[in-house]
Amino acid sequence: MEITQTGILEVNLQNKSESISIESDEQIEKIVKALSSRTRRQILRHIQEEPMDVSNIAASLDMTEANISAQIKKLEEAGLIECSYSSGNHGVRKISNLKFNKLVIKFSS
């Protein structure tokens, strides 16, 4: 994470080609709130290599699936991840994937 002289905060999330630039105060607040949780940051780290489903994330973080689902919802609402659904052995699996590798927040007047 780096704040430049021009009032830009850059956060590199992963080595993907996509990036997003945020200027809206409302969107900045959503993203900052999403990133303020240690659990949500751990989720982002776990899915940066490859998409993962809720049960695998929960198992790797030693947390309940209900908690992980709630955290994923907040990351999705902030626009940091995208989710898809696929068939699993016991129903439908929700797969989470990073949406961007780089987040740029511009603090304009």
PDB file of N, CA and C in Angstrom:
ATOM      1  N   MET A   1       0.851  -1.162   0.000  1.00  0.00           N
ATOM      2  CA  MET A   1       0.000   0.000   0.000  1.00  0.00           C
ATOM      3  C   MET A   1       0.897   1.226   0.000  1.00  0.00           C
ATOM      4  N   GLU A   2       0.557   2.186  -0.842  1.00  0.00           N
ATOM      5  CA  GLU A   2       1.397   3.369  -0.990  1.00  0.00           C
ATOM      6  C   GLU A   2       0.519   4.590  -1.237  1.00  0.00           C
ATOM      7  N   ILE A   3       0.800   5.680  -0.540  1.00  0.00           N
ATOM      8  CA  ILE A   3       0.118   6.951  -0.806  1.00  0.00           C
ATOM      9  C   ILE A   3       1.127   7.858  -1.491  1.00  0.00           C
ATOM     10  N   THR A   4       0.778   8.304  -2.677  1.00  0.00           N
ATOM     11  CA  THR A   4       1.694   9.134  -3.458  1.00  0.00           C
ATOM     12  C   THR A   4       1.511  10.608  -3.113  1.00  0.00           C
ATOM     13  N   GLN A   5       2.402  11.426  -3.619  1.00  0.00           N
ATOM     14  CA  GLN A   5       2.355  12.868  -3.397  1.00  0.00           C
ATOM     15  C   GLN A   5       1.107  13.495  -4.010  1.00  0.00           C
ATOM     16  N   THR A   6       0.518  12.849  -4.992  1.00  0.00           N
ATOM     17  CA  THR A   6      -0.642  13.422  -5.684  1.00  0.00           C
ATOM     18  C   THR A   6      -1.960  13.038  -5.033  1.00  0.00           C
ATOM     19  N   GLY A   7      -1.913  12.420  -3.835  1.00  0.00           N
ATOM     20  CA  GLY A   7      -3.145  12.064  -3.148  1.00  0.00           C
ATOM     21  C   GLY A   7      -3.787  10.805  -3.681  1.00  0.00           C
ATOM     22  N   ILE A   8      -2.978   9.843  -4.094  1.00  0.00           N
ATOM     23  CA  ILE A   8      -3.504   8.587  -4.613  1.00  0.00           C
ATOM     24  C   ILE A   8      -3.015   7.451  -3.722  1.00  0.00           C
ATOM     25  N   LEU A   9      -3.939   6.614  -3.285  1.00  0.00           N
ATOM     26  CA  LEU A   9      -3.609   5.427  -2.509  1.00  0.00           C
ATOM     27  C   LEU A   9      -3.667   4.237  -3.443  1.00  0.00           C
ATOM     28  N   GLU A  10      -2.574   3.484  -3.542  1.00  0.00           N
ATOM     29  CA  GLU A  10      -2.535   2.306  -4.396  1.00  0.00           C
ATOM     30  C   GLU A  10      -2.371   1.067  -3.540  1.00  0.00           C
ATOM     31  N   VAL A  11      -3.221   0.068  -3.781  1.00  0.00           N
ATOM     32  CA  VAL A  11      -3.152  -1.202  -3.077  1.00  0.00           C
ATOM     33  C   VAL A  11      -3.034  -2.301  -4.120  1.00  0.00           C
ATOM     34  N   ASN A  12      -1.929  -3.036  -4.110  1.00  0.00           N
ATOM     35  CA  ASN A  12      -1.755  -4.165  -5.020  1.00  0.00           C
ATOM     36  C   ASN A  12      -2.275  -5.416  -4.340  1.00  0.00           C
ATOM     37  N   LEU A  13      -3.222  -6.093  -4.978  1.00  0.00           N
ATOM     38  CA  LEU A  13      -3.845  -7.271  -4.405  1.00  0.00           C
ATOM     39  C   LEU A  13      -3.266  -8.565  -4.957  1.00  0.00           C
ATOM     40  N   GLN A  14      -2.890  -8.588  -6.209  1.00  0.00           N
ATOM     41  CA  GLN A  14      -2.393  -9.813  -6.829  1.00  0.00           C
ATOM     42  C   GLN A  14      -1.827  -9.496  -8.202  1.00  0.00           C
ATOM     43  N   ASN A  15      -1.158 -10.441  -8.774  1.00  0.00           N
ATOM     44  CA  ASN A  15      -0.583 -10.264 -10.105  1.00  0.00           C
ATOM     45  C   ASN A  15      -1.593 -10.617 -11.197  1.00  0.00           C
ATOM     46  N   LYS A  16      -2.636  -9.859 -11.297  1.00  0.00           N
ATOM     47  CA  LYS A  16      -3.606  -9.995 -12.376  1.00  0.00           C
ATOM     48  C   LYS A  16      -3.498  -8.736 -13.225  1.00  0.00           C
ATOM     49  N   SER A  17      -4.124  -8.742 -14.375  1.00  0.00           N
ATOM     50  CA  SER A  17      -3.988  -7.598 -15.266  1.00  0.00           C
ATOM     51  C   SER A  17      -5.026  -6.512 -15.013  1.00  0.00           C
ATOM     52  N   GLU A  18      -6.091  -6.822 -14.308  1.00  0.00           N
ATOM     53  CA  GLU A  18      -7.148  -5.849 -14.103  1.00  0.00           C
ATOM     54  C   GLU A  18      -6.830  -4.913 -12.949  1.00  0.00           C
ATOM     55  N   SER A  19      -7.297  -3.684 -13.077  1.00  0.00           N
ATOM     56  CA  SER A  19      -7.183  -2.734 -11.976  1.00  0.00           C
ATOM     57  C   SER A  19      -8.444  -1.886 -11.946  1.00  0.00           C
ATOM     58  N   ILE A  20      -8.644  -1.184 -10.829  1.00  0.00           N
ATOM     59  CA  ILE A  20      -9.801  -0.320 -10.689  1.00  0.00           C
ATOM     60  C   ILE A  20      -9.337   0.982 -10.037  1.00  0.00           C
ATOM     61  N   SER A  21      -9.924   2.071 -10.454  1.00  0.00           N
ATOM     62  CA  SER A  21      -9.638   3.373  -9.880  1.00  0.00           C
ATOM     63  C   SER A  21     -10.923   3.889  -9.238  1.00  0.00           C
ATOM     64  N   ILE A  22     -10.856   4.228  -7.969  1.00  0.00           N
ATOM     65  CA  ILE A  22     -12.032   4.646  -7.212  1.00  0.00           C
ATOM     66  C   ILE A  22     -11.903   6.122  -6.843  1.00  0.00           C
ATOM     67  N   GLU A  23     -12.932   6.891  -7.115  1.00  0.00           N
ATOM     68  CA  GLU A  23     -12.944   8.300  -6.734  1.00  0.00           C
ATOM     69  C   GLU A  23     -14.159   8.666  -5.885  1.00  0.00           C
ATOM     70  N   SER A  24     -15.226   7.883  -5.964  1.00  0.00           N
ATOM     71  CA  SER A  24     -16.451   8.164  -5.234  1.00  0.00           C
ATOM     72  C   SER A  24     -16.257   7.946  -3.734  1.00  0.00           C
ATOM     73  N   ASP A  25     -16.653   8.933  -2.922  1.00  0.00           N
ATOM     74  CA  ASP A  25     -16.543   8.809  -1.472  1.00  0.00           C
ATOM     75  C   ASP A  25     -17.300   7.585  -0.956  1.00  0.00           C
ATOM     76  N   GLU A  26     -18.463   7.331  -1.506  1.00  0.00           N
ATOM     77  CA  GLU A  26     -19.278   6.187  -1.071  1.00  0.00           C
ATOM     78  C   GLU A  26     -18.549   4.867  -1.322  1.00  0.00           C
ATOM     79  N   GLN A  27     -17.960   4.731  -2.498  1.00  0.00           N
ATOM     80  CA  GLN A  27     -17.238   3.501  -2.827  1.00  0.00           C
ATOM     81  C   GLN A  27     -15.961   3.373  -2.000  1.00  0.00           C
ATOM     82  N   ILE A  28     -15.266   4.490  -1.774  1.00  0.00           N
ATOM     83  CA  ILE A  28     -14.070   4.471  -0.925  1.00  0.00           C
ATOM     84  C   ILE A  28     -14.432   3.966   0.470  1.00  0.00           C
ATOM     85  N   GLU A  29     -15.543   4.455   1.033  1.00  0.00           N
ATOM     86  CA  GLU A  29     -15.966   4.022   2.367  1.00  0.00           C
ATOM     87  C   GLU A  29     -16.266   2.530   2.403  1.00  0.00           C
ATOM     88  N   LYS A  30     -16.946   2.011   1.389  1.00  0.00           N
ATOM     89  CA  LYS A  30     -17.245   0.582   1.330  1.00  0.00           C
ATOM     90  C   LYS A  30     -15.966  -0.250   1.295  1.00  0.00           C
ATOM     91  N   ILE A  31     -15.025   0.173   0.488  1.00  0.00           N
ATOM     92  CA  ILE A  31     -13.774  -0.579   0.336  1.00  0.00           C
ATOM     93  C   ILE A  31     -12.939  -0.510   1.618  1.00  0.00           C
ATOM     94  N   VAL A  32     -12.838   0.674   2.202  1.00  0.00           N
ATOM     95  CA  VAL A  32     -12.056   0.821   3.430  1.00  0.00           C
ATOM     96  C   VAL A  32     -12.670  -0.018   4.552  1.00  0.00           C
ATOM     97  N   LYS A  33     -13.991  -0.009   4.658  1.00  0.00           N
ATOM     98  CA  LYS A  33     -14.652  -0.838   5.672  1.00  0.00           C
ATOM     99  C   LYS A  33     -14.404  -2.314   5.406  1.00  0.00           C
ATOM    100  N   ALA A  34     -14.470  -2.717   4.157  1.00  0.00           N
ATOM    101  CA  ALA A  34     -14.230  -4.122   3.819  1.00  0.00           C
ATOM    102  C   ALA A  34     -12.806  -4.531   4.170  1.00  0.00           C
ATOM    103  N   LEU A  35     -11.837  -3.661   3.912  1.00  0.00           N
ATOM    104  CA  LEU A  35     -10.435  -3.967   4.177  1.00  0.00           C
ATOM    105  C   LEU A  35     -10.059  -3.806   5.648  1.00  0.00           C
ATOM    106  N   SER A  36     -10.947  -3.232   6.453  1.00  0.00           N
ATOM    107  CA  SER A  36     -10.635  -3.007   7.867  1.00  0.00           C
ATOM    108  C   SER A  36     -10.711  -4.284   8.698  1.00  0.00           C
ATOM    109  N   SER A  37     -11.291  -5.333   8.154  1.00  0.00           N
ATOM    110  CA  SER A  37     -11.424  -6.595   8.878  1.00  0.00           C
ATOM    111  C   SER A  37     -10.261  -7.533   8.560  1.00  0.00           C
ATOM    112  N   ARG A  38      -9.624  -8.036   9.606  1.00  0.00           N
ATOM    113  CA  ARG A  38      -8.521  -8.983   9.418  1.00  0.00           C
ATOM    114  C   ARG A  38      -9.004 -10.238   8.706  1.00  0.00           C
ATOM    115  N   THR A  39     -10.193 -10.718   9.056  1.00  0.00           N
ATOM    116  CA  THR A  39     -10.744 -11.918   8.411  1.00  0.00           C
ATOM    117  C   THR A  39     -10.943 -11.696   6.922  1.00  0.00           C
ATOM    118  N   ARG A  40     -11.474 -10.536   6.543  1.00  0.00           N
ATOM    119  CA  ARG A  40     -11.693 -10.265   5.121  1.00  0.00           C
ATOM    120  C   ARG A  40     -10.364 -10.146   4.372  1.00  0.00           C
ATOM    121  N   ARG A  41      -9.355  -9.570   4.995  1.00  0.00           N
ATOM    122  CA  ARG A  41      -8.033  -9.513   4.357  1.00  0.00           C
ATOM    123  C   ARG A  41      -7.449 -10.916   4.202  1.00  0.00           C
ATOM    124  N   GLN A  42      -7.667 -11.784   5.183  1.00  0.00           N
ATOM    125  CA  GLN A  42      -7.207 -13.170   5.086  1.00  0.00           C
ATOM    126  C   GLN A  42      -7.906 -13.888   3.922  1.00  0.00           C
ATOM    127  N   ILE A  43      -9.184 -13.631   3.765  1.00  0.00           N
ATOM    128  CA  ILE A  43      -9.925 -14.232   2.647  1.00  0.00           C
ATOM    129  C   ILE A  43      -9.322 -13.783   1.330  1.00  0.00           C
ATOM    130  N   LEU A  44      -9.049 -12.494   1.190  1.00  0.00           N
ATOM    131  CA  LEU A  44      -8.448 -11.976  -0.041  1.00  0.00           C
ATOM    132  C   LEU A  44      -7.108 -12.657  -0.326  1.00  0.00           C
ATOM    133  N   ARG A  45      -6.309 -12.864   0.710  1.00  0.00           N
ATOM    134  CA  ARG A  45      -5.023 -13.546   0.522  1.00  0.00           C
ATOM    135  C   ARG A  45      -5.218 -14.991   0.058  1.00  0.00           C
ATOM    136  N   HIS A  46      -6.223 -15.667   0.619  1.00  0.00           N
ATOM    137  CA  HIS A  46      -6.454 -17.071   0.276  1.00  0.00           C
ATOM    138  C   HIS A  46      -6.952 -17.253  -1.154  1.00  0.00           C
ATOM    139  N   ILE A  47      -7.712 -16.301  -1.649  1.00  0.00           N
ATOM    140  CA  ILE A  47      -8.265 -16.468  -3.002  1.00  0.00           C
ATOM    141  C   ILE A  47      -7.414 -15.804  -4.079  1.00  0.00           C
ATOM    142  N   GLN A  48      -6.286 -15.220  -3.703  1.00  0.00           N
ATOM    143  CA  GLN A  48      -5.481 -14.553  -4.721  1.00  0.00           C
ATOM    144  C   GLN A  48      -4.788 -15.531  -5.652  1.00  0.00           C
ATOM    145  N   GLU A  49      -4.469 -16.715  -5.203  1.00  0.00           N
ATOM    146  CA  GLU A  49      -3.822 -17.705  -6.061  1.00  0.00           C
ATOM    147  C   GLU A  49      -4.818 -18.370  -7.005  1.00  0.00           C
ATOM    148  N   GLU A  50      -5.985 -18.724  -6.457  1.00  0.00           N
ATOM    149  CA  GLU A  50      -7.019 -19.373  -7.251  1.00  0.00           C
ATOM    150  C   GLU A  50      -8.360 -19.180  -6.555  1.00  0.00           C
ATOM    151  N   PRO A  51      -9.446 -19.206  -7.316  1.00  0.00           N
ATOM    152  CA  PRO A  51     -10.769 -19.090  -6.714  1.00  0.00           C
ATOM    153  C   PRO A  51     -11.010 -20.237  -5.730  1.00  0.00           C
ATOM    154  N   MET A  52     -11.742 -19.943  -4.659  1.00  0.00           N
ATOM    155  CA  MET A  52     -12.044 -20.953  -3.644  1.00  0.00           C
ATOM    156  C   MET A  52     -13.509 -20.867  -3.249  1.00  0.00           C
ATOM    157  N   ASP A  53     -14.058 -22.023  -2.808  1.00  0.00           N
ATOM    158  CA  ASP A  53     -15.426 -21.992  -2.320  1.00  0.00           C
ATOM    159  C   ASP A  53     -15.442 -21.725  -0.814  1.00  0.00           C
ATOM    160  N   VAL A  54     -16.628 -21.412  -0.314  1.00  0.00           N
ATOM    161  CA  VAL A  54     -16.795 -21.007   1.083  1.00  0.00           C
ATOM    162  C   VAL A  54     -16.277 -22.074   2.035  1.00  0.00           C
ATOM    163  N   SER A  55     -16.595 -23.335   1.784  1.00  0.00           N
ATOM    164  CA  SER A  55     -16.184 -24.385   2.717  1.00  0.00           C
ATOM    165  C   SER A  55     -14.664 -24.541   2.758  1.00  0.00           C
ATOM    166  N   ASN A  56     -13.987 -24.401   1.630  1.00  0.00           N
ATOM    167  CA  ASN A  56     -12.519 -24.488   1.621  1.00  0.00           C
ATOM    168  C   ASN A  56     -11.881 -23.298   2.328  1.00  0.00           C
ATOM    169  N   ILE A  57     -12.445 -22.114   2.125  1.00  0.00           N
ATOM    170  CA  ILE A  57     -11.932 -20.924   2.820  1.00  0.00           C
ATOM    171  C   ILE A  57     -12.131 -21.090   4.322  1.00  0.00           C
ATOM    172  N   ALA A  58     -13.324 -21.533   4.728  1.00  0.00           N
ATOM    173  CA  ALA A  58     -13.620 -21.720   6.150  1.00  0.00           C
ATOM    174  C   ALA A  58     -12.666 -22.733   6.783  1.00  0.00           C
ATOM    175  N   ALA A  59     -12.427 -23.832   6.087  1.00  0.00           N
ATOM    176  CA  ALA A  59     -11.527 -24.859   6.618  1.00  0.00           C
ATOM    177  C   ALA A  59     -10.100 -24.335   6.744  1.00  0.00           C
ATOM    178  N   SER A  60      -9.638 -23.596   5.743  1.00  0.00           N
ATOM    179  CA  SER A  60      -8.262 -23.110   5.782  1.00  0.00           C
ATOM    180  C   SER A  60      -8.058 -22.029   6.845  1.00  0.00           C
ATOM    181  N   LEU A  61      -9.123 -21.293   7.174  1.00  0.00           N
ATOM    182  CA  LEU A  61      -9.020 -20.247   8.202  1.00  0.00           C
ATOM    183  C   LEU A  61      -9.537 -20.713   9.561  1.00  0.00           C
ATOM    184  N   ASP A  62     -10.000 -21.966   9.645  1.00  0.00           N
ATOM    185  CA  ASP A  62     -10.548 -22.538  10.873  1.00  0.00           C
ATOM    186  C   ASP A  62     -11.689 -21.686  11.427  1.00  0.00           C
ATOM    187  N   MET A  63     -12.638 -21.372  10.536  1.00  0.00           N
ATOM    188  CA  MET A  63     -13.808 -20.572  10.894  1.00  0.00           C
ATOM    189  C   MET A  63     -15.054 -21.270  10.356  1.00  0.00           C
ATOM    190  N   THR A  64     -16.213 -20.799  10.791  1.00  0.00           N
ATOM    191  CA  THR A  64     -17.462 -21.400  10.320  1.00  0.00           C
ATOM    192  C   THR A  64     -17.787 -20.913   8.909  1.00  0.00           C
ATOM    193  N   GLU A  65     -18.508 -21.744   8.178  1.00  0.00           N
ATOM    194  CA  GLU A  65     -18.939 -21.346   6.838  1.00  0.00           C
ATOM    195  C   GLU A  65     -19.874 -20.152   6.893  1.00  0.00           C
ATOM    196  N   ALA A  66     -20.696 -20.068   7.946  1.00  0.00           N
ATOM    197  CA  ALA A  66     -21.616 -18.931   8.086  1.00  0.00           C
ATOM    198  C   ALA A  66     -20.842 -17.620   8.221  1.00  0.00           C
ATOM    199  N   ASN A  67     -19.777 -17.628   9.015  1.00  0.00           N
ATOM    200  CA  ASN A  67     -18.963 -16.424   9.181  1.00  0.00           C
ATOM    201  C   ASN A  67     -18.284 -16.052   7.862  1.00  0.00           C
ATOM    202  N   ILE A  68     -17.719 -17.031   7.190  1.00  0.00           N
ATOM    203  CA  ILE A  68     -17.032 -16.759   5.926  1.00  0.00           C
ATOM    204  C   ILE A  68     -18.023 -16.230   4.895  1.00  0.00           C
ATOM    205  N   SER A  69     -19.214 -16.809   4.840  1.00  0.00           N
ATOM    206  CA  SER A  69     -20.241 -16.334   3.900  1.00  0.00           C
ATOM    207  C   SER A  69     -20.587 -14.871   4.148  1.00  0.00           C
ATOM    208  N   ALA A  70     -20.715 -14.503   5.416  1.00  0.00           N
ATOM    209  CA  ALA A  70     -21.029 -13.106   5.756  1.00  0.00           C
ATOM    210  C   ALA A  70     -19.890 -12.173   5.349  1.00  0.00           C
ATOM    211  N   GLN A  71     -18.652 -12.612   5.555  1.00  0.00           N
ATOM    212  CA  GLN A  71     -17.497 -11.793   5.190  1.00  0.00           C
ATOM    213  C   GLN A  71     -17.368 -11.659   3.671  1.00  0.00           C
ATOM    214  N   ILE A  72     -17.638 -12.736   2.966  1.00  0.00           N
ATOM    215  CA  ILE A  72     -17.580 -12.720   1.507  1.00  0.00           C
ATOM    216  C   ILE A  72     -18.626 -11.765   0.946  1.00  0.00           C
ATOM    217  N   LYS A  73     -19.797 -11.749   1.561  1.00  0.00           N
ATOM    218  CA  LYS A  73     -20.851 -10.834   1.116  1.00  0.00           C
ATOM    219  C   LYS A  73     -20.380  -9.376   1.203  1.00  0.00           C
ATOM    220  N   LYS A  74     -19.677  -9.031   2.283  1.00  0.00           N
ATOM    221  CA  LYS A  74     -19.180  -7.658   2.439  1.00  0.00           C
ATOM    222  C   LYS A  74     -18.108  -7.329   1.408  1.00  0.00           C
ATOM    223  N   LEU A  75     -17.231  -8.299   1.120  1.00  0.00           N
ATOM    224  CA  LEU A  75     -16.211  -8.080   0.092  1.00  0.00           C
ATOM    225  C   LEU A  75     -16.840  -7.934  -1.287  1.00  0.00           C
ATOM    226  N   GLU A  76     -17.891  -8.708  -1.528  1.00  0.00           N
ATOM    227  CA  GLU A  76     -18.588  -8.639  -2.809  1.00  0.00           C
ATOM    228  C   GLU A  76     -19.314  -7.295  -2.952  1.00  0.00           C
ATOM    229  N   GLU A  77     -19.961  -6.841  -1.885  1.00  0.00           N
ATOM    230  CA  GLU A  77     -20.659  -5.552  -1.913  1.00  0.00           C
ATOM    231  C   GLU A  77     -19.694  -4.388  -2.139  1.00  0.00           C
ATOM    232  N   ALA A  78     -18.474  -4.535  -1.644  1.00  0.00           N
ATOM    233  CA  ALA A  78     -17.452  -3.494  -1.836  1.00  0.00           C
ATOM    234  C   ALA A  78     -16.847  -3.541  -3.232  1.00  0.00           C
ATOM    235  N   GLY A  79     -17.166  -4.595  -3.993  1.00  0.00           N
ATOM    236  CA  GLY A  79     -16.661  -4.712  -5.353  1.00  0.00           C
ATOM    237  C   GLY A  79     -15.250  -5.277  -5.449  1.00  0.00           C
ATOM    238  N   LEU A  80     -14.758  -5.891  -4.368  1.00  0.00           N
ATOM    239  CA  LEU A  80     -13.395  -6.423  -4.373  1.00  0.00           C
ATOM    240  C   LEU A  80     -13.317  -7.845  -4.912  1.00  0.00           C
ATOM    241  N   ILE A  81     -14.401  -8.588  -4.796  1.00  0.00           N
ATOM    242  CA  ILE A  81     -14.423  -9.961  -5.308  1.00  0.00           C
ATOM    243  C   ILE A  81     -15.676 -10.170  -6.136  1.00  0.00           C
ATOM    244  N   GLU A  82     -15.655 -11.248  -6.903  1.00  0.00           N
ATOM    245  CA  GLU A  82     -16.856 -11.666  -7.616  1.00  0.00           C
ATOM    246  C   GLU A  82     -17.084 -13.130  -7.302  1.00  0.00           C
ATOM    247  N   CYS A  83     -18.343 -13.516  -7.251  1.00  0.00           N
ATOM    248  CA  CYS A  83     -18.687 -14.884  -6.894  1.00  0.00           C
ATOM    249  C   CYS A  83     -19.483 -15.533  -8.014  1.00  0.00           C
ATOM    250  N   SER A  84     -19.299 -16.821  -8.132  1.00  0.00           N
ATOM    251  CA  SER A  84     -20.069 -17.621  -9.083  1.00  0.00           C
ATOM    252  C   SER A  84     -20.511 -18.880  -8.357  1.00  0.00           C
ATOM    253  N   TYR A  85     -21.417 -19.591  -8.951  1.00  0.00           N
ATOM    254  CA  TYR A  85     -21.955 -20.796  -8.337  1.00  0.00           C
ATOM    255  C   TYR A  85     -21.709 -21.984  -9.246  1.00  0.00           C
ATOM    256  N   SER A  86     -21.387 -23.124  -8.628  1.00  0.00           N
ATOM    257  CA  SER A  86     -21.211 -24.352  -9.400  1.00  0.00           C
ATOM    258  C   SER A  86     -21.725 -25.524  -8.580  1.00  0.00           C
ATOM    259  N   SER A  87     -22.018 -26.608  -9.255  1.00  0.00           N
ATOM    260  CA  SER A  87     -22.512 -27.800  -8.579  1.00  0.00           C
ATOM    261  C   SER A  87     -21.404 -28.429  -7.748  1.00  0.00           C
ATOM    262  N   GLY A  88     -21.786 -28.907  -6.580  1.00  0.00           N
ATOM    263  CA  GLY A  88     -20.848 -29.589  -5.701  1.00  0.00           C
ATOM    264  C   GLY A  88     -21.407 -30.930  -5.285  1.00  0.00           C
ATOM    265  N   ASN A  89     -20.692 -31.645  -4.436  1.00  0.00           N
ATOM    266  CA  ASN A  89     -21.143 -32.958  -3.971  1.00  0.00           C
ATOM    267  C   ASN A  89     -22.403 -32.867  -3.123  1.00  0.00           C
ATOM    268  N   HIS A  90     -22.567 -31.773  -2.392  1.00  0.00           N
ATOM    269  CA  HIS A  90     -23.707 -31.603  -1.490  1.00  0.00           C
ATOM    270  C   HIS A  90     -24.484 -30.334  -1.810  1.00  0.00           C
ATOM    271  N   GLY A  91     -24.755 -30.102  -3.078  1.00  0.00           N
ATOM    272  CA  GLY A  91     -25.499 -28.912  -3.468  1.00  0.00           C
ATOM    273  C   GLY A  91     -24.649 -27.943  -4.247  1.00  0.00           C
ATOM    274  N   VAL A  92     -24.997 -26.668  -4.127  1.00  0.00           N
ATOM    275  CA  VAL A  92     -24.334 -25.619  -4.896  1.00  0.00           C
ATOM    276  C   VAL A  92     -23.180 -25.036  -4.080  1.00  0.00           C
ATOM    277  N   ARG A  93     -22.054 -24.791  -4.741  1.00  0.00           N
ATOM    278  CA  ARG A  93     -20.887 -24.170  -4.111  1.00  0.00           C
ATOM    279  C   ARG A  93     -20.763 -22.729  -4.591  1.00  0.00           C
ATOM    280  N   LYS A  94     -20.482 -21.836  -3.652  1.00  0.00           N
ATOM    281  CA  LYS A  94     -20.240 -20.437  -3.996  1.00  0.00           C
ATOM    282  C   LYS A  94     -18.734 -20.250  -4.097  1.00  0.00           C
ATOM    283  N   ILE A  95     -18.265 -19.893  -5.298  1.00  0.00           N
ATOM    284  CA  ILE A  95     -16.841 -19.735  -5.569  1.00  0.00           C
ATOM    285  C   ILE A  95     -16.494 -18.247  -5.581  1.00  0.00           C
ATOM    286  N   SER A  96     -15.474 -17.870  -4.810  1.00  0.00           N
ATOM    287  CA  SER A  96     -15.043 -16.472  -4.727  1.00  0.00           C
ATOM    288  C   SER A  96     -13.725 -16.280  -5.451  1.00  0.00           C
ATOM    289  N   ASN A  97     -13.621 -15.148  -6.145  1.00  0.00           N
ATOM    290  CA  ASN A  97     -12.442 -14.830  -6.941  1.00  0.00           C
ATOM    291  C   ASN A  97     -12.153 -13.335  -6.815  1.00  0.00           C
ATOM    292  N   LEU A  98     -10.864 -12.979  -6.732  1.00  0.00           N
ATOM    293  CA  LEU A  98     -10.502 -11.562  -6.736  1.00  0.00           C
ATOM    294  C   LEU A  98     -10.949 -10.920  -8.037  1.00  0.00           C
ATOM    295  N   LYS A  99     -11.458  -9.729  -7.940  1.00  0.00           N
ATOM    296  CA  LYS A  99     -11.917  -9.016  -9.128  1.00  0.00           C
ATOM    297  C   LYS A  99     -10.788  -8.214  -9.777  1.00  0.00           C
ATOM    298  N   PHE A 100      -9.878  -7.686  -8.961  1.00  0.00           N
ATOM    299  CA  PHE A 100      -8.818  -6.809  -9.456  1.00  0.00           C
ATOM    300  C   PHE A 100      -7.507  -7.128  -8.764  1.00  0.00           C
ATOM    301  N   ASN A 101      -6.412  -6.792  -9.409  1.00  0.00           N
ATOM    302  CA  ASN A 101      -5.114  -6.944  -8.764  1.00  0.00           C
ATOM    303  C   ASN A 101      -4.665  -5.649  -8.113  1.00  0.00           C
ATOM    304  N   LYS A 102      -5.206  -4.555  -8.573  1.00  0.00           N
ATOM    305  CA  LYS A 102      -4.741  -3.259  -8.090  1.00  0.00           C
ATOM    306  C   LYS A 102      -5.941  -2.352  -7.862  1.00  0.00           C
ATOM    307  N   LEU A 103      -5.934  -1.709  -6.729  1.00  0.00           N
ATOM    308  CA  LEU A 103      -6.987  -0.787  -6.346  1.00  0.00           C
ATOM    309  C   LEU A 103      -6.349   0.577  -6.179  1.00  0.00           C
ATOM    310  N   VAL A 104      -6.829   1.568  -6.892  1.00  0.00           N
ATOM    311  CA  VAL A 104      -6.297   2.932  -6.805  1.00  0.00           C
ATOM    312  C   VAL A 104      -7.404   3.825  -6.296  1.00  0.00           C
ATOM    313  N   ILE A 105      -7.150   4.484  -5.175  1.00  0.00           N
ATOM    314  CA  ILE A 105      -8.119   5.415  -4.596  1.00  0.00           C
ATOM    315  C   ILE A 105      -7.578   6.821  -4.756  1.00  0.00           C
ATOM    316  N   LYS A 106      -8.334   7.663  -5.451  1.00  0.00           N
ATOM    317  CA  LYS A 106      -7.916   9.034  -5.670  1.00  0.00           C
ATOM    318  C   LYS A 106      -8.636   9.954  -4.688  1.00  0.00           C
ATOM    319  N   PHE A 107      -7.867  10.705  -3.934  1.00  0.00           N
ATOM    320  CA  PHE A 107      -8.411  11.666  -3.002  1.00  0.00           C
ATOM    321  C   PHE A 107      -8.447  13.029  -3.682  1.00  0.00           C
ATOM    322  N   SER A 108      -9.549  13.297  -4.327  1.00  0.00           N
ATOM    323  CA  SER A 108      -9.651  14.579  -5.040  1.00  0.00           C
ATOM    324  C   SER A 108     -10.485  15.554  -4.228  1.00  0.00           C
ATOM    325  N   SER A 109     -10.329  16.824  -4.533  1.00  0.00           N
ATOM    326  CA  SER A 109     -11.042  17.857  -3.782  1.00  0.00           C
ATOM    327  C   SER A 109     -12.393  18.142  -4.376  1.00  0.00           C
TER     328      SER A 109
END
